Protein backbone atom coordinates (compact mmCIF):
# COMPACT_ATOMS: atom_id res chain seq x y z
CA MET A 1 0.00 0.01 0.02
CA ARG A 2 1.46 3.33 -1.08
CA ASP A 3 1.84 6.62 0.84
CA THR A 4 2.74 5.29 4.29
CA LEU A 5 3.65 7.79 7.10
CA GLN A 6 4.93 7.76 10.56
CA THR A 7 2.43 9.59 12.65
CA SER A 8 3.06 10.91 16.16
CA SER A 9 0.83 10.02 19.16
CA GLU A 10 0.15 13.79 19.67
CA ILE A 11 -1.44 14.02 16.17
CA ALA A 12 -3.41 10.76 16.81
CA PHE A 13 -4.85 12.16 20.01
CA GLU A 14 -5.69 15.45 18.24
CA TYR A 15 -7.43 13.47 15.48
CA ALA A 16 -9.30 11.58 18.17
CA ARG A 17 -10.62 14.77 19.77
CA TRP A 18 -12.10 15.88 16.45
CA PHE A 19 -13.37 12.68 14.92
CA VAL A 20 -13.91 9.94 17.50
CA ASN A 21 -17.18 10.20 19.35
CA ARG A 22 -17.54 6.57 20.49
CA ARG A 23 -15.20 3.61 20.86
CA ALA A 24 -16.92 1.33 18.31
CA PHE A 25 -15.47 1.45 14.81
CA THR A 26 -15.18 -0.53 11.55
CA LEU A 27 -12.21 -1.60 9.41
CA GLN A 28 -12.01 -1.71 5.60
CA SER A 29 -10.97 -5.12 4.38
CA ASP A 30 -7.42 -5.27 2.85
CA ARG A 31 -8.69 -7.93 0.40
CA PRO A 32 -11.44 -7.38 -2.20
CA HIS A 33 -14.57 -9.51 -1.95
CA PRO A 34 -14.22 -12.41 -4.52
CA GLY A 35 -17.66 -11.79 -5.86
CA THR A 36 -17.88 -8.02 -6.15
CA GLY A 37 -14.31 -6.89 -5.98
CA ARG A 38 -15.21 -4.33 -3.31
CA HIS A 39 -13.35 -3.70 -0.10
CA TYR A 40 -16.12 -3.94 2.54
CA TYR A 41 -16.03 -2.44 5.96
CA TYR A 42 -16.63 -4.82 8.93
CA ARG A 43 -16.91 -4.41 12.71
CA PRO A 44 -14.12 -6.21 14.58
CA ARG A 45 -15.28 -8.97 16.94
CA SER A 46 -15.20 -8.34 20.67
CA ARG A 47 -13.30 -11.58 21.20
CA GLU A 48 -10.37 -10.18 19.22
CA ASP A 49 -10.24 -7.34 21.61
CA ARG A 50 -10.73 -4.90 18.67
CA SER A 51 -14.15 -3.59 19.60
CA SER A 52 -12.79 -0.36 21.11
CA ILE A 53 -10.67 2.10 19.14
CA THR A 54 -7.33 3.19 20.49
CA ALA A 55 -4.77 5.83 19.71
CA TRP A 56 -2.63 3.16 18.14
CA ASP A 57 -5.44 2.30 15.79
CA ILE A 58 -5.68 6.06 14.71
CA GLN A 59 -1.93 6.10 14.16
CA ARG A 60 -2.05 3.00 11.90
CA HIS A 61 -4.98 4.62 10.06
CA LEU A 62 -3.08 7.89 9.42
CA ASN A 63 0.13 5.89 8.55
CA GLY A 64 -1.79 4.07 5.93
CA GLN A 65 -1.51 0.70 7.45
CA MET A 66 -5.34 0.16 7.99
CA THR A 67 -8.50 2.10 7.23
CA LEU A 68 -11.01 3.00 9.90
CA GLY A 69 -14.68 3.65 9.56
CA LEU A 70 -16.06 6.02 12.20
CA TYR A 71 -19.55 6.30 13.82
CA ALA A 72 -21.02 9.84 14.32
CA ILE A 73 -23.56 9.31 17.17
CA ASN A 74 -22.55 8.46 20.81
CA PRO A 75 -25.66 6.47 21.89
CA ALA A 76 -25.21 7.51 25.56
CA THR A 77 -25.76 11.14 24.67
CA GLN A 78 -27.34 11.07 21.19
CA ARG A 79 -24.69 13.78 20.31
CA VAL A 80 -22.24 14.22 17.51
CA LYS A 81 -18.92 15.89 17.13
CA TRP A 82 -19.34 16.37 13.39
CA MET A 83 -21.67 16.04 10.44
CA ALA A 84 -20.46 14.58 7.21
CA ILE A 85 -22.30 15.10 3.92
CA ASP A 86 -21.34 12.50 1.37
CA ALA A 87 -21.92 12.82 -2.45
CA ASP A 88 -20.73 10.43 -5.13
CA TYR A 89 -22.70 11.12 -8.32
CA ARG A 90 -21.85 13.13 -11.50
CA ARG A 91 -22.45 16.62 -10.11
CA ALA A 92 -21.42 15.71 -6.55
CA VAL A 93 -18.58 18.14 -6.08
CA GLU A 94 -20.59 21.01 -7.59
CA ASP A 95 -23.44 20.33 -5.03
CA LEU A 96 -20.97 20.03 -2.14
CA LEU A 97 -19.32 23.30 -3.19
CA ARG A 98 -22.86 24.93 -3.17
CA LEU A 99 -23.44 23.62 0.37
CA GLN A 100 -20.02 24.69 1.52
CA TYR A 101 -20.71 28.27 0.17
CA GLY A 102 -24.13 28.15 1.79
CA LEU A 103 -22.64 27.13 5.11
CA GLY A 104 -20.12 29.95 4.81
CA GLN A 105 -22.97 32.40 4.35
CA THR A 106 -24.24 31.42 7.86
CA GLY A 107 -20.76 31.73 9.35
CA ILE A 108 -19.93 28.00 9.21
CA GLN A 109 -16.48 26.79 7.87
CA ALA A 110 -16.95 23.34 6.35
CA ALA A 111 -14.05 21.20 5.10
CA LEU A 112 -14.40 19.58 1.74
CA GLU A 113 -12.58 16.18 1.35
CA GLN A 114 -11.89 14.23 -1.75
CA SER A 115 -13.34 10.85 -2.25
CA ARG A 116 -13.15 8.20 -4.97
CA ARG A 117 -16.32 9.40 -6.80
CA GLY A 118 -17.04 12.75 -5.37
CA GLY A 119 -16.38 14.19 -1.93
CA HIS A 120 -17.31 14.48 1.75
CA LEU A 121 -18.22 17.86 3.35
CA TRP A 122 -17.43 17.95 7.16
CA ILE A 123 -19.00 20.24 9.67
CA PHE A 124 -17.24 20.33 13.13
CA PHE A 125 -18.80 21.33 16.41
CA GLU A 126 -17.13 22.98 19.41
CA GLN A 127 -18.80 20.58 21.75
CA PRO A 128 -20.98 17.65 20.85
CA VAL A 129 -24.54 18.59 19.71
CA LEU A 130 -27.71 16.63 19.44
CA ALA A 131 -27.68 14.68 16.22
CA ARG A 132 -31.26 15.70 15.33
CA HIS A 133 -30.36 19.33 15.52
CA ALA A 134 -27.40 18.94 13.26
CA ARG A 135 -29.52 16.97 10.69
CA ILE A 136 -32.39 19.40 10.83
CA PHE A 137 -29.85 22.16 9.78
CA VAL A 138 -28.53 20.27 6.86
CA TYR A 139 -31.97 19.36 5.62
CA GLN A 140 -32.92 22.96 5.76
CA LEU A 141 -29.85 24.08 3.83
CA ALA A 142 -30.22 21.42 1.13
CA ASP A 143 -33.80 22.40 0.62
CA LYS A 144 -32.86 26.08 0.38
CA LEU A 145 -30.10 25.36 -2.17
CA ASN A 146 -32.17 22.79 -4.14
CA VAL A 147 -29.75 19.95 -3.39
CA ASN A 148 -31.41 16.63 -3.53
CA VAL A 149 -31.12 14.01 -0.74
CA LYS A 150 -30.33 10.52 -1.97
CA GLY A 151 -33.36 8.21 -2.52
CA PRO A 152 -34.07 4.88 -4.09
CA GLY A 153 -34.72 4.19 -7.78
CA GLY A 154 -31.59 5.93 -8.92
CA ILE A 155 -32.18 9.32 -7.34
CA ASP A 156 -28.87 11.09 -7.03
CA GLY A 157 -28.30 13.17 -3.95
CA ILE A 158 -26.38 13.69 -0.79
CA GLU A 159 -26.28 11.33 2.20
CA LEU A 160 -26.04 12.61 5.71
CA PHE A 161 -23.85 10.96 8.35
CA PRO A 162 -25.25 10.33 10.85
CA LYS A 163 -28.24 8.96 9.01
CA GLN A 164 -30.27 8.76 12.23
CA ASP A 165 -31.61 11.33 14.71
CA HIS A 166 -31.00 8.90 17.55
CA LEU A 167 -29.77 5.45 18.28
CA ASP A 168 -31.35 2.84 20.61
CA ALA A 169 -29.23 0.74 22.96
CA GLY A 170 -27.02 -1.64 20.97
CA GLN A 171 -27.27 0.14 17.79
CA PHE A 172 -24.34 1.51 15.79
CA GLY A 173 -25.79 3.49 12.95
CA ASN A 174 -23.72 3.97 9.77
CA ALA A 175 -19.94 4.49 9.72
CA ILE A 176 -18.09 6.58 7.25
CA ARG A 177 -14.44 6.36 6.20
CA GLY A 178 -12.22 8.19 8.57
CA PRO A 179 -10.55 11.16 6.91
CA LEU A 180 -6.85 11.07 5.87
CA GLY A 181 -6.59 7.38 5.75
CA ILE A 182 -5.84 5.38 2.66
CA HIS A 183 -8.83 3.82 0.79
CA ARG A 184 -7.93 0.15 0.43
CA ALA A 185 -9.49 -0.18 -3.04
CA ALA A 186 -7.85 2.94 -4.47
CA GLY A 187 -4.59 2.48 -2.76
CA ARG A 188 -4.36 6.22 -2.23
CA ARG A 189 -5.04 8.92 0.48
CA TYR A 190 -7.90 11.45 -0.04
CA TRP A 191 -6.99 14.97 1.22
CA PHE A 192 -9.02 18.06 2.21
CA TYR A 193 -9.11 20.85 -0.34
CA GLY A 194 -7.62 24.07 0.97
CA ALA A 195 -4.29 22.90 2.35
CA PRO A 196 -1.10 21.22 0.94
CA TYR A 197 -1.37 17.53 0.53
CA ASP A 198 0.76 16.47 3.45
CA LEU A 199 -0.49 15.40 6.91
CA GLU A 200 0.91 18.28 8.98
CA SER A 201 -0.55 20.92 6.59
CA GLN A 202 -3.86 19.07 6.53
CA MET A 203 -3.99 18.91 10.38
CA ALA A 204 -3.11 22.61 10.60
CA TYR A 205 -5.90 23.44 8.18
CA LEU A 206 -8.44 21.45 10.25
CA ARG A 207 -7.17 22.99 13.49
CA GLY A 208 -7.76 26.42 12.02
CA LEU A 209 -11.41 25.91 11.17
CA ARG A 210 -13.96 27.67 13.33
CA ARG A 211 -16.12 25.12 15.09
CA VAL A 212 -19.94 25.56 15.31
CA THR A 213 -21.24 26.24 18.78
CA GLU A 214 -24.48 24.59 20.04
CA ARG A 215 -25.96 28.05 20.54
CA GLN A 216 -25.27 28.89 16.97
CA LEU A 217 -26.80 25.67 15.69
CA LEU A 218 -29.96 26.17 17.89
CA GLU A 219 -30.41 29.68 16.53
CA LEU A 220 -29.99 28.37 12.98
CA THR A 221 -32.72 25.84 13.59
CA ALA A 222 -35.03 27.88 15.82
CA ASP A 223 -37.84 28.23 13.31
CA VAL A 224 -38.21 24.47 12.61
CA PRO A 225 -40.97 23.13 14.84
CA SER A 226 -39.96 19.46 14.75
CA VAL A 227 -37.53 16.94 13.25
CA LEU A 228 -40.28 15.40 11.17
CA ASP A 229 -40.98 18.77 9.54
CA ALA A 230 -37.34 19.39 8.81
CA GLN A 231 -36.99 15.96 7.21
CA ALA A 232 -40.08 16.35 5.17
CA THR A 233 -39.14 19.87 3.79
CA TRP A 234 -37.21 18.60 0.81
CA VAL A 235 -39.91 16.14 -0.29
CA ASN A 236 -42.82 18.50 0.60
CA ARG A 237 -41.93 21.17 -1.97
CA THR A 238 -44.75 22.52 -4.11
CA PHE A 239 -45.83 19.84 -6.45
CA ASP A 240 -44.39 20.06 -10.05
CA PRO A 241 -45.95 17.81 -12.64
CA ASN A 242 -42.73 18.05 -14.61
CA ARG A 243 -40.58 16.61 -11.91
CA PRO A 244 -39.20 13.29 -13.07
CA HIS A 245 -39.25 11.57 -9.70
CA PHE A 246 -42.48 10.47 -7.83
CA ARG A 247 -42.48 11.58 -4.18
CA ILE A 248 -45.28 10.16 -2.15
CA LEU A 249 -45.12 12.96 0.40
CA ASP A 250 -46.31 15.32 -2.36
CA PHE A 251 -49.69 13.71 -2.05
CA VAL A 252 -50.06 12.36 1.44
CA HIS A 253 -49.56 13.80 4.95
CA PRO A 254 -48.11 11.65 7.67
CA GLU A 255 -50.52 11.03 10.61
CA ARG A 256 -47.75 10.25 13.10
CA LYS A 257 -44.20 8.76 13.30
CA VAL A 258 -43.57 5.19 14.55
CA GLY A 259 -39.92 4.10 14.87
CA ARG A 260 -38.18 4.81 11.59
CA ASN A 261 -41.44 5.28 9.52
CA TRP A 262 -44.08 7.81 9.00
CA ILE A 263 -47.58 6.24 9.11
CA THR A 264 -50.54 7.44 7.20
CA GLN A 265 -53.57 6.24 5.15
CA CYS A 266 -52.90 4.22 1.97
CA PRO A 267 -54.57 5.92 -0.98
CA SER A 268 -55.33 2.72 -2.72
CA CYS A 269 -56.88 1.22 0.42
CA ALA A 270 -58.87 4.36 1.03
CA ALA A 271 -60.26 4.21 -2.48
CA ALA A 272 -61.47 0.71 -1.85
CA GLY A 273 -63.05 1.71 1.43
CA ARG A 274 -60.36 0.26 3.61
CA ASP A 275 -57.77 1.62 6.03
CA ARG A 276 -60.14 3.74 8.04
CA SER A 277 -57.68 3.71 10.95
CA LYS A 278 -55.08 5.47 8.53
CA ASP A 279 -52.22 3.33 9.35
CA ASN A 280 -51.58 1.01 6.39
CA LEU A 281 -49.03 3.09 4.51
CA ALA A 282 -45.43 3.30 5.98
CA ILE A 283 -43.04 5.81 4.55
CA SER A 284 -39.16 5.67 5.57
CA VAL A 285 -38.20 8.68 7.59
CA GLU A 286 -34.51 8.34 6.44
CA GLU A 287 -35.37 7.73 2.74
CA PRO A 288 -38.89 9.21 2.11
CA LEU A 289 -38.94 7.96 -1.45
CA LYS A 290 -39.30 4.35 0.12
CA TYR A 291 -42.85 3.52 1.06
CA ARG A 292 -45.02 0.38 1.54
CA CYS A 293 -48.62 -0.55 2.06
CA TRP A 294 -48.93 -3.22 4.79
CA SER A 295 -52.17 -4.43 3.27
CA GLY A 296 -50.29 -5.33 0.09
CA CYS A 297 -51.20 -2.58 -2.35
CA THR A 298 -48.61 -2.21 -5.00
CA ARG A 299 -46.83 1.06 -5.93
CA GLU A 300 -48.75 1.10 -9.22
CA GLN A 301 -52.10 0.76 -7.38
CA ILE A 302 -51.18 3.63 -5.03
CA ARG A 303 -50.14 5.93 -7.85
CA GLN A 304 -53.26 5.03 -9.74
CA ALA A 305 -55.37 5.85 -6.85
CA LEU A 306 -53.63 9.28 -6.67
CA GLY A 307 -54.16 9.82 -10.41
CA VAL A 308 -50.42 9.71 -11.10
CA ALA A 309 -48.87 7.77 -13.88
CA THR A 310 -45.86 5.51 -13.13
CA PRO A 311 -42.79 7.69 -13.93
CA ALA A 312 -39.91 6.70 -16.06
CA VAL A 313 -37.69 6.80 -12.92
CA ALA A 314 -39.25 5.68 -9.66
């Protein structure tokens, strides 16, 4: 593996203060999967005494000897030290630059990191903040700038890390590749824009970024009454018949939220005189383009009940 370094313990501890919010982590496999050729991430087993990250792990990550995946949310507090916005589609860097500029207009300095197919935009907090407040803010900003959030059916858009507002006991959420390590598949290190491509300069650049305070974040999200409203904003825009992607939340209003789903009446069931309790249709909170009728109505039946033709991309 190319581009190996010798990282000091001081740099490793500083890196941990910025990026490590819980002791659990993942590792990227050194060997490609024989079926897909991909270098998947896996969580080390506890019996290997590898379930808790150490400063030595971080040094090896920065040295290029292994690649860590980091979790955003600490489940004991439901707080995050950072938010990462991942984009890996054709216009990914353009969207990330728009978001970076939009953040700058609110006084937030975000760091744009290279990736294999696009980039990661990182927002750092002075002290850990509630994950739901950080996600509210990014949803708001994405809606304001007309940046799509990734959905099923080939919908290009950004992904937020963390992907959850909170974690239950025993949950981990979704890990993202730790910055400044070497991607095992590409065999190269992906740097932050804005600083020379060496570790000391990169750390100095990150060190100089202004962190977001919790008070600042709360002020920026003060007008949003709830997490559900913030997450629905980007899918609840004014209906446009020329929009190429069908969005179920353009047509139905969630009655309540249960677990990871919004619950409401199924239009197809309602047309047949069923679902009077208004709880047959489940819509994913994290990916609102995903929906399902628990009574068995197909997507085509639901769209037909709404008077909407099946789109070319769904």
